[in-house]
């Protein structure tokens, strides 16, 4: 696969996201920091390969409408290998080999719910049931983890989390790893549920992620409020 510079993609002023999200995030799209972020992305794409492709950057917001969010799973960066990132944290397109963190997520899913381990790594069915699969940083340079951190994405995604916390009741936030757990400061824990566990990466999965029971616990919390359980099968 050609790993050279990409042609510049249009980073739209109003991305293709669900109208409810567009309403609450319009102030962010119009903010000076977001203009700086767009300029940075244009420059990056002129020199480097950037993931995910432009049409998938805001895919989490397109698949999970603002008013239908029930669970929030927070990641850090998109995957930085070719063919992996498609706009949903921890998720890869169908047919793509599972990265180690996703493989550990599926191990816990199998252990927790006694269901067969999924063969597809595409988590879109979760997103369509109200599970917001949100990375803190929405783009990354190929083969360079963390390369787009500190450029404005965190301000944008923090605003999304704050808006959810203010506008909803009884959301379940899944905070896996220290980076995600720092986002707890944005969440009104009197209104929402927060479940914490180590990150599912090979370095920490066996320090408490495997055995955390978050899939069953999430469904118990949702059902206790009269809501529907998430069908975690893929």
C-alpha atoms as a PDB file:
ATOM      1  CA  UNK A   1       0.000   0.000   0.000  1.00  0.00           C
ATOM      2  CA  UNK A   2       1.280   3.466  -0.848  1.00  0.00           C
ATOM      3  CA  UNK A   3       2.253   5.256   2.351  1.00  0.00           C
ATOM      4  CA  UNK A   4       3.140   8.569   0.709  1.00  0.00           C
ATOM      5  CA  UNK A   5       1.387  11.916   1.226  1.00  0.00           C
ATOM      6  CA  UNK A   6      -2.341  12.042   0.619  1.00  0.00           C
ATOM      7  CA  UNK A   7      -4.173  14.564  -1.449  1.00  0.00           C
ATOM      8  CA  UNK A   8      -5.701  17.211   0.735  1.00  0.00           C
ATOM      9  CA  UNK A   9      -9.227  16.259   1.826  1.00  0.00           C
ATOM     10  CA  UNK A  10     -11.861  18.824   2.598  1.00  0.00           C
ATOM     11  CA  UNK A  11     -12.314  19.184   6.346  1.00  0.00           C
ATOM     12  CA  UNK A  12     -15.818  20.624   6.230  1.00  0.00           C
ATOM     13  CA  UNK A  13     -16.898  23.502   8.439  1.00  0.00           C
ATOM     14  CA  UNK A  14     -20.064  21.533   9.239  1.00  0.00           C
ATOM     15  CA  UNK A  15     -19.165  17.846   9.182  1.00  0.00           C
ATOM     16  CA  UNK A  16     -21.730  15.229   8.272  1.00  0.00           C
ATOM     17  CA  UNK A  17     -23.003  14.527  11.761  1.00  0.00           C
ATOM     18  CA  UNK A  18     -26.439  13.922  13.177  1.00  0.00           C
ATOM     19  CA  UNK A  19     -28.487  17.150  13.589  1.00  0.00           C
ATOM     20  CA  UNK A  20     -28.700  16.883  17.380  1.00  0.00           C
ATOM     21  CA  UNK A  21     -24.927  16.766  17.615  1.00  0.00           C
ATOM     22  CA  UNK A  22     -24.640  19.578  15.101  1.00  0.00           C
ATOM     23  CA  UNK A  23     -26.850  21.761  17.302  1.00  0.00           C
ATOM     24  CA  UNK A  24     -24.762  21.305  20.460  1.00  0.00           C
ATOM     25  CA  UNK A  25     -21.355  21.355  18.750  1.00  0.00           C
ATOM     26  CA  UNK A  26     -21.858  24.323  16.381  1.00  0.00           C
ATOM     27  CA  UNK A  27     -20.094  26.679  18.845  1.00  0.00           C
ATOM     28  CA  UNK A  28     -17.056  24.382  18.673  1.00  0.00           C
ATOM     29  CA  UNK A  29     -17.012  24.333  14.857  1.00  0.00           C
ATOM     30  CA  UNK A  30     -17.037  28.150  14.900  1.00  0.00           C
ATOM     31  CA  UNK A  31     -14.371  28.565  17.589  1.00  0.00           C
ATOM     32  CA  UNK A  32     -10.871  29.831  16.712  1.00  0.00           C
ATOM     33  CA  UNK A  33      -9.227  26.632  17.971  1.00  0.00           C
ATOM     34  CA  UNK A  34     -11.257  24.568  15.489  1.00  0.00           C
ATOM     35  CA  UNK A  35     -10.094  26.742  12.592  1.00  0.00           C
ATOM     36  CA  UNK A  36      -6.523  26.162  13.764  1.00  0.00           C
ATOM     37  CA  UNK A  37      -7.218  22.427  13.918  1.00  0.00           C
ATOM     38  CA  UNK A  38      -8.556  22.403  10.357  1.00  0.00           C
ATOM     39  CA  UNK A  39      -5.460  24.209   9.089  1.00  0.00           C
ATOM     40  CA  UNK A  40      -3.256  21.691  10.891  1.00  0.00           C
ATOM     41  CA  UNK A  41      -5.121  18.781   9.284  1.00  0.00           C
ATOM     42  CA  UNK A  42      -4.826  20.269   5.798  1.00  0.00           C
ATOM     43  CA  UNK A  43      -1.061  20.647   6.323  1.00  0.00           C
ATOM     44  CA  UNK A  44      -0.753  17.126   7.719  1.00  0.00           C
ATOM     45  CA  UNK A  45      -2.627  15.555   4.823  1.00  0.00           C
ATOM     46  CA  UNK A  46      -0.422  17.404   2.336  1.00  0.00           C
ATOM     47  CA  UNK A  47       2.666  15.751   3.836  1.00  0.00           C
ATOM     48  CA  UNK A  48       1.588  12.509   5.499  1.00  0.00           C
ATOM     49  CA  UNK A  49      -0.952   9.739   5.455  1.00  0.00           C
ATOM     50  CA  UNK A  50      -3.625  10.483   8.081  1.00  0.00           C
ATOM     51  CA  UNK A  51      -6.213   8.126   9.576  1.00  0.00           C
ATOM     52  CA  UNK A  52      -9.148   7.753   9.422  1.00  0.00           C
ATOM     53  CA  UNK A  53     -10.130   9.026   5.983  1.00  0.00           C
ATOM     54  CA  UNK A  54     -11.941  12.338   6.031  1.00  0.00           C
ATOM     55  CA  UNK A  55     -15.450  10.973   5.657  1.00  0.00           C
ATOM     56  CA  UNK A  56     -14.984   8.820   8.781  1.00  0.00           C
ATOM     57  CA  UNK A  57     -13.534  11.394  11.184  1.00  0.00           C
ATOM     58  CA  UNK A  58     -16.932  12.205  12.725  1.00  0.00           C
ATOM     59  CA  UNK A  59     -18.478   8.768  12.209  1.00  0.00           C
ATOM     60  CA  UNK A  60     -19.164   8.241  15.933  1.00  0.00           C
ATOM     61  CA  UNK A  61     -21.429  11.315  15.889  1.00  0.00           C
ATOM     62  CA  UNK A  62     -23.156  10.184  12.695  1.00  0.00           C
ATOM     63  CA  UNK A  63     -24.008   6.679  13.938  1.00  0.00           C
ATOM     64  CA  UNK A  64     -25.093   7.599  17.469  1.00  0.00           C
ATOM     65  CA  UNK A  65     -27.555  10.519  17.565  1.00  0.00           C
ATOM     66  CA  UNK A  66     -27.167  12.907  20.483  1.00  0.00           C
ATOM     67  CA  UNK A  67     -30.626  12.194  21.913  1.00  0.00           C
ATOM     68  CA  UNK A  68     -30.111   8.427  21.660  1.00  0.00           C
ATOM     69  CA  UNK A  69     -26.804   8.123  23.536  1.00  0.00           C
ATOM     70  CA  UNK A  70     -27.093   5.655  26.416  1.00  0.00           C
ATOM     71  CA  UNK A  71     -23.505   4.502  26.922  1.00  0.00           C
ATOM     72  CA  UNK A  72     -20.231   6.332  26.335  1.00  0.00           C
ATOM     73  CA  UNK A  73     -17.045   4.360  25.707  1.00  0.00           C
ATOM     74  CA  UNK A  74     -13.981   6.591  25.622  1.00  0.00           C
ATOM     75  CA  UNK A  75     -10.805   5.787  23.721  1.00  0.00           C
ATOM     76  CA  UNK A  76      -7.652   7.808  23.162  1.00  0.00           C
ATOM     77  CA  UNK A  77      -6.371   7.828  19.551  1.00  0.00           C
ATOM     78  CA  UNK A  78      -7.540   6.169  16.356  1.00  0.00           C
ATOM     79  CA  UNK A  79      -5.551   3.129  15.296  1.00  0.00           C
ATOM     80  CA  UNK A  80      -2.541   4.290  13.286  1.00  0.00           C
ATOM     81  CA  UNK A  81      -2.082   1.301  10.978  1.00  0.00           C
ATOM     82  CA  UNK A  82      -3.448   1.156   7.418  1.00  0.00           C
ATOM     83  CA  UNK A  83      -7.012  -0.055   7.089  1.00  0.00           C
ATOM     84  CA  UNK A  84      -7.798  -0.013  10.815  1.00  0.00           C
ATOM     85  CA  UNK A  85      -9.342   3.302  11.916  1.00  0.00           C
ATOM     86  CA  UNK A  86     -12.872   4.083  10.733  1.00  0.00           C
ATOM     87  CA  UNK A  87     -14.088   6.645  13.246  1.00  0.00           C
ATOM     88  CA  UNK A  88     -15.182   4.475  16.190  1.00  0.00           C
ATOM     89  CA  UNK A  89     -12.932   3.869  19.171  1.00  0.00           C
ATOM     90  CA  UNK A  90     -11.528   0.331  19.446  1.00  0.00           C
ATOM     91  CA  UNK A  91     -13.380  -0.671  16.247  1.00  0.00           C
ATOM     92  CA  UNK A  92     -11.971  -1.857  12.909  1.00  0.00           C
ATOM     93  CA  UNK A  93     -13.739  -2.535   9.599  1.00  0.00           C
ATOM     94  CA  UNK A  94     -15.174  -5.978   9.053  1.00  0.00           C
ATOM     95  CA  UNK A  95     -12.488  -8.392   7.843  1.00  0.00           C
ATOM     96  CA  UNK A  96      -9.619  -6.462   9.454  1.00  0.00           C
ATOM     97  CA  UNK A  97      -7.474  -8.424  11.945  1.00  0.00           C
ATOM     98  CA  UNK A  98      -8.311  -7.482  15.522  1.00  0.00           C
ATOM     99  CA  UNK A  99      -5.758  -5.234  17.252  1.00  0.00           C
ATOM    100  CA  UNK A 100      -4.640  -6.560  20.661  1.00  0.00           C
ATOM    101  CA  UNK A 101      -6.869  -4.205  22.691  1.00  0.00           C
ATOM    102  CA  UNK A 102      -9.942  -5.197  20.717  1.00  0.00           C
ATOM    103  CA  UNK A 103      -9.046  -8.860  21.096  1.00  0.00           C
ATOM    104  CA  UNK A 104      -8.958  -8.382  24.882  1.00  0.00           C
ATOM    105  CA  UNK A 105     -12.310  -6.583  24.790  1.00  0.00           C
ATOM    106  CA  UNK A 106     -13.750  -9.618  23.047  1.00  0.00           C
ATOM    107  CA  UNK A 107     -12.132 -11.962  25.579  1.00  0.00           C
ATOM    108  CA  UNK A 108     -13.897 -10.085  28.377  1.00  0.00           C
ATOM    109  CA  UNK A 109     -17.146 -10.021  26.421  1.00  0.00           C
ATOM    110  CA  UNK A 110     -16.964 -13.800  26.059  1.00  0.00           C
ATOM    111  CA  UNK A 111     -16.084 -14.274  29.738  1.00  0.00           C
ATOM    112  CA  UNK A 112     -18.679 -11.811  31.063  1.00  0.00           C
ATOM    113  CA  UNK A 113     -21.694 -12.776  28.956  1.00  0.00           C
ATOM    114  CA  UNK A 114     -20.796 -16.328  27.906  1.00  0.00           C
ATOM    115  CA  UNK A 115     -21.323 -15.427  24.271  1.00  0.00           C
ATOM    116  CA  UNK A 116     -19.162 -16.506  21.343  1.00  0.00           C
ATOM    117  CA  UNK A 117     -16.177 -14.268  20.705  1.00  0.00           C
ATOM    118  CA  UNK A 118     -17.014 -12.017  17.724  1.00  0.00           C
ATOM    119  CA  UNK A 119     -15.254 -12.629  14.434  1.00  0.00           C
ATOM    120  CA  UNK A 120     -15.944  -9.119  13.110  1.00  0.00           C
ATOM    121  CA  UNK A 121     -14.165  -6.204  14.744  1.00  0.00           C
ATOM    122  CA  UNK A 122     -16.702  -3.677  13.466  1.00  0.00           C
ATOM    123  CA  UNK A 123     -18.469  -2.216  16.506  1.00  0.00           C
ATOM    124  CA  UNK A 124     -21.012  -0.245  14.443  1.00  0.00           C
ATOM    125  CA  UNK A 125     -23.917  -2.361  15.798  1.00  0.00           C
ATOM    126  CA  UNK A 126     -23.074  -1.074  19.277  1.00  0.00           C
ATOM    127  CA  UNK A 127     -23.005   2.512  18.025  1.00  0.00           C
ATOM    128  CA  UNK A 128     -26.430   2.133  16.430  1.00  0.00           C
ATOM    129  CA  UNK A 129     -27.871   1.058  19.804  1.00  0.00           C
ATOM    130  CA  UNK A 130     -26.715   4.205  21.576  1.00  0.00           C
ATOM    131  CA  UNK A 131     -23.127   3.349  22.512  1.00  0.00           C
ATOM    132  CA  UNK A 132     -21.035   6.407  21.633  1.00  0.00           C
ATOM    133  CA  UNK A 133     -17.599   5.091  20.649  1.00  0.00           C
ATOM    134  CA  UNK A 134     -15.583   8.278  21.085  1.00  0.00           C
ATOM    135  CA  UNK A 135     -11.838   8.796  20.865  1.00  0.00           C
ATOM    136  CA  UNK A 136     -10.405  11.851  22.610  1.00  0.00           C
ATOM    137  CA  UNK A 137      -8.385  12.612  19.463  1.00  0.00           C
ATOM    138  CA  UNK A 138     -10.180  11.970  16.178  1.00  0.00           C
ATOM    139  CA  UNK A 139      -7.213  11.745  13.774  1.00  0.00           C
ATOM    140  CA  UNK A 140      -3.660  10.425  13.789  1.00  0.00           C
ATOM    141  CA  UNK A 141      -0.644  10.358  11.465  1.00  0.00           C
ATOM    142  CA  UNK A 142       0.128   6.922  10.042  1.00  0.00           C
ATOM    143  CA  UNK A 143       2.401   4.844  12.288  1.00  0.00           C
ATOM    144  CA  UNK A 144       2.721   7.690  14.829  1.00  0.00           C
ATOM    145  CA  UNK A 145       0.579   7.137  17.912  1.00  0.00           C
ATOM    146  CA  UNK A 146      -0.414  10.357  19.676  1.00  0.00           C
ATOM    147  CA  UNK A 147       0.770  12.527  16.793  1.00  0.00           C
ATOM    148  CA  UNK A 148      -2.409  14.639  16.715  1.00  0.00           C
ATOM    149  CA  UNK A 149      -2.795  15.088  20.448  1.00  0.00           C
ATOM    150  CA  UNK A 150      -2.754  18.652  21.755  1.00  0.00           C
ATOM    151  CA  UNK A 151      -3.960  20.168  18.474  1.00  0.00           C
ATOM    152  CA  UNK A 152      -7.557  20.896  19.503  1.00  0.00           C
ATOM    153  CA  UNK A 153      -9.362  17.589  19.230  1.00  0.00           C
ATOM    154  CA  UNK A 154      -9.427  17.159  22.996  1.00  0.00           C
ATOM    155  CA  UNK A 155     -11.176  20.520  23.417  1.00  0.00           C
ATOM    156  CA  UNK A 156     -13.787  19.400  20.894  1.00  0.00           C
ATOM    157  CA  UNK A 157     -14.422  15.953  22.380  1.00  0.00           C
ATOM    158  CA  UNK A 158     -14.407  17.341  25.934  1.00  0.00           C
ATOM    159  CA  UNK A 159     -17.216  19.662  24.823  1.00  0.00           C
ATOM    160  CA  UNK A 160     -19.139  16.655  23.519  1.00  0.00           C
ATOM    161  CA  UNK A 161     -18.776  14.894  26.879  1.00  0.00           C
ATOM    162  CA  UNK A 162     -19.834  17.987  28.831  1.00  0.00           C
ATOM    163  CA  UNK A 163     -22.917  18.413  26.661  1.00  0.00           C
ATOM    164  CA  UNK A 164     -23.906  14.800  27.215  1.00  0.00           C
ATOM    165  CA  UNK A 165     -23.420  15.143  30.959  1.00  0.00           C
ATOM    166  CA  UNK A 166     -25.569  18.275  31.133  1.00  0.00           C
ATOM    167  CA  UNK A 167     -28.354  17.153  28.801  1.00  0.00           C
ATOM    168  CA  UNK A 168     -28.872  13.497  29.762  1.00  0.00           C
ATOM    169  CA  UNK A 169     -29.645  11.435  32.834  1.00  0.00           C
ATOM    170  CA  UNK A 170     -28.402   7.954  33.664  1.00  0.00           C
ATOM    171  CA  UNK A 171     -25.727   7.519  31.013  1.00  0.00           C
ATOM    172  CA  UNK A 172     -23.162   4.778  31.593  1.00  0.00           C
ATOM    173  CA  UNK A 173     -19.600   5.979  31.028  1.00  0.00           C
ATOM    174  CA  UNK A 174     -17.004   3.242  30.479  1.00  0.00           C
ATOM    175  CA  UNK A 175     -13.595   4.628  31.417  1.00  0.00           C
ATOM    176  CA  UNK A 176     -10.870   2.129  30.550  1.00  0.00           C
ATOM    177  CA  UNK A 177      -7.363   3.240  31.458  1.00  0.00           C
ATOM    178  CA  UNK A 178      -5.919   6.347  33.057  1.00  0.00           C
ATOM    179  CA  UNK A 179      -6.359   8.588  30.035  1.00  0.00           C
ATOM    180  CA  UNK A 180     -10.099   7.886  29.877  1.00  0.00           C
ATOM    181  CA  UNK A 181     -10.452   8.103  33.657  1.00  0.00           C
ATOM    182  CA  UNK A 182      -9.156  11.671  33.626  1.00  0.00           C
ATOM    183  CA  UNK A 183     -12.336  12.572  31.706  1.00  0.00           C
ATOM    184  CA  UNK A 184     -14.396  11.806  34.811  1.00  0.00           C
ATOM    185  CA  UNK A 185     -13.887  15.456  35.787  1.00  0.00           C
ATOM    186  CA  UNK A 186     -16.213  16.377  32.890  1.00  0.00           C
ATOM    187  CA  UNK A 187     -19.029  14.101  34.080  1.00  0.00           C
ATOM    188  CA  UNK A 188     -21.692  14.874  36.680  1.00  0.00           C
ATOM    189  CA  UNK A 189     -21.419  11.667  38.666  1.00  0.00           C
ATOM    190  CA  UNK A 190     -24.620  12.502  40.568  1.00  0.00           C
ATOM    191  CA  UNK A 191     -26.551  12.152  37.291  1.00  0.00           C
ATOM    192  CA  UNK A 192     -24.614   9.387  35.551  1.00  0.00           C
ATOM    193  CA  UNK A 193     -22.861   6.068  36.185  1.00  0.00           C
ATOM    194  CA  UNK A 194     -19.103   5.693  35.797  1.00  0.00           C
ATOM    195  CA  UNK A 195     -17.479   2.275  35.441  1.00  0.00           C
ATOM    196  CA  UNK A 196     -13.667   2.207  35.620  1.00  0.00           C
ATOM    197  CA  UNK A 197     -11.212  -0.493  34.630  1.00  0.00           C
ATOM    198  CA  UNK A 198      -7.620  -0.780  33.401  1.00  0.00           C
ATOM    199  CA  UNK A 199      -7.073  -0.318  29.677  1.00  0.00           C
ATOM    200  CA  UNK A 200      -7.627  -3.459  27.559  1.00  0.00           C
ATOM    201  CA  UNK A 201      -4.142  -3.236  26.023  1.00  0.00           C
ATOM    202  CA  UNK A 202      -1.840  -6.254  26.530  1.00  0.00           C
ATOM    203  CA  UNK A 203       0.144  -4.199  29.067  1.00  0.00           C
ATOM    204  CA  UNK A 204      -2.760  -3.822  31.474  1.00  0.00           C
ATOM    205  CA  UNK A 205      -5.673  -6.062  30.471  1.00  0.00           C
ATOM    206  CA  UNK A 206      -4.764  -8.726  33.016  1.00  0.00           C
ATOM    207  CA  UNK A 207      -4.500  -6.164  35.818  1.00  0.00           C
ATOM    208  CA  UNK A 208      -8.264  -5.934  36.085  1.00  0.00           C
ATOM    209  CA  UNK A 209      -9.794  -5.352  32.684  1.00  0.00           C
ATOM    210  CA  UNK A 210     -10.303  -9.067  32.187  1.00  0.00           C
ATOM    211  CA  UNK A 211     -12.882  -9.784  34.860  1.00  0.00           C
ATOM    212  CA  UNK A 212     -14.294  -6.248  35.139  1.00  0.00           C
ATOM    213  CA  UNK A 213     -17.783  -7.353  34.056  1.00  0.00           C
ATOM    214  CA  UNK A 214     -18.603  -4.022  32.435  1.00  0.00           C
ATOM    215  CA  UNK A 215     -20.815  -5.446  29.697  1.00  0.00           C
ATOM    216  CA  UNK A 216     -23.224  -7.111  32.101  1.00  0.00           C
ATOM    217  CA  UNK A 217     -22.959  -4.235  34.583  1.00  0.00           C
ATOM    218  CA  UNK A 218     -23.902  -1.722  31.887  1.00  0.00           C
ATOM    219  CA  UNK A 219     -27.007  -3.680  30.987  1.00  0.00           C
ATOM    220  CA  UNK A 220     -28.014  -4.016  34.626  1.00  0.00           C
ATOM    221  CA  UNK A 221     -27.747  -0.244  35.088  1.00  0.00           C
ATOM    222  CA  UNK A 222     -29.724   0.505  31.931  1.00  0.00           C
ATOM    223  CA  UNK A 223     -32.454  -1.978  32.780  1.00  0.00           C
ATOM    224  CA  UNK A 224     -32.701  -0.740  36.370  1.00  0.00           C
ATOM    225  CA  UNK A 225     -33.813   2.609  34.903  1.00  0.00           C
ATOM    226  CA  UNK A 226     -36.375   0.916  32.669  1.00  0.00           C
ATOM    227  CA  UNK A 227     -34.204   0.960  29.555  1.00  0.00           C
ATOM    228  CA  UNK A 228     -33.273  -1.740  27.090  1.00  0.00           C
ATOM    229  CA  UNK A 229     -30.109  -3.765  27.433  1.00  0.00           C
ATOM    230  CA  UNK A 230     -27.398  -3.434  24.795  1.00  0.00           C
ATOM    231  CA  UNK A 231     -27.112  -6.431  22.508  1.00  0.00           C
ATOM    232  CA  UNK A 232     -23.320  -6.813  22.639  1.00  0.00           C
ATOM    233  CA  UNK A 233     -23.238  -9.583  20.030  1.00  0.00           C
ATOM    234  CA  UNK A 234     -21.691  -8.750  16.669  1.00  0.00           C
END
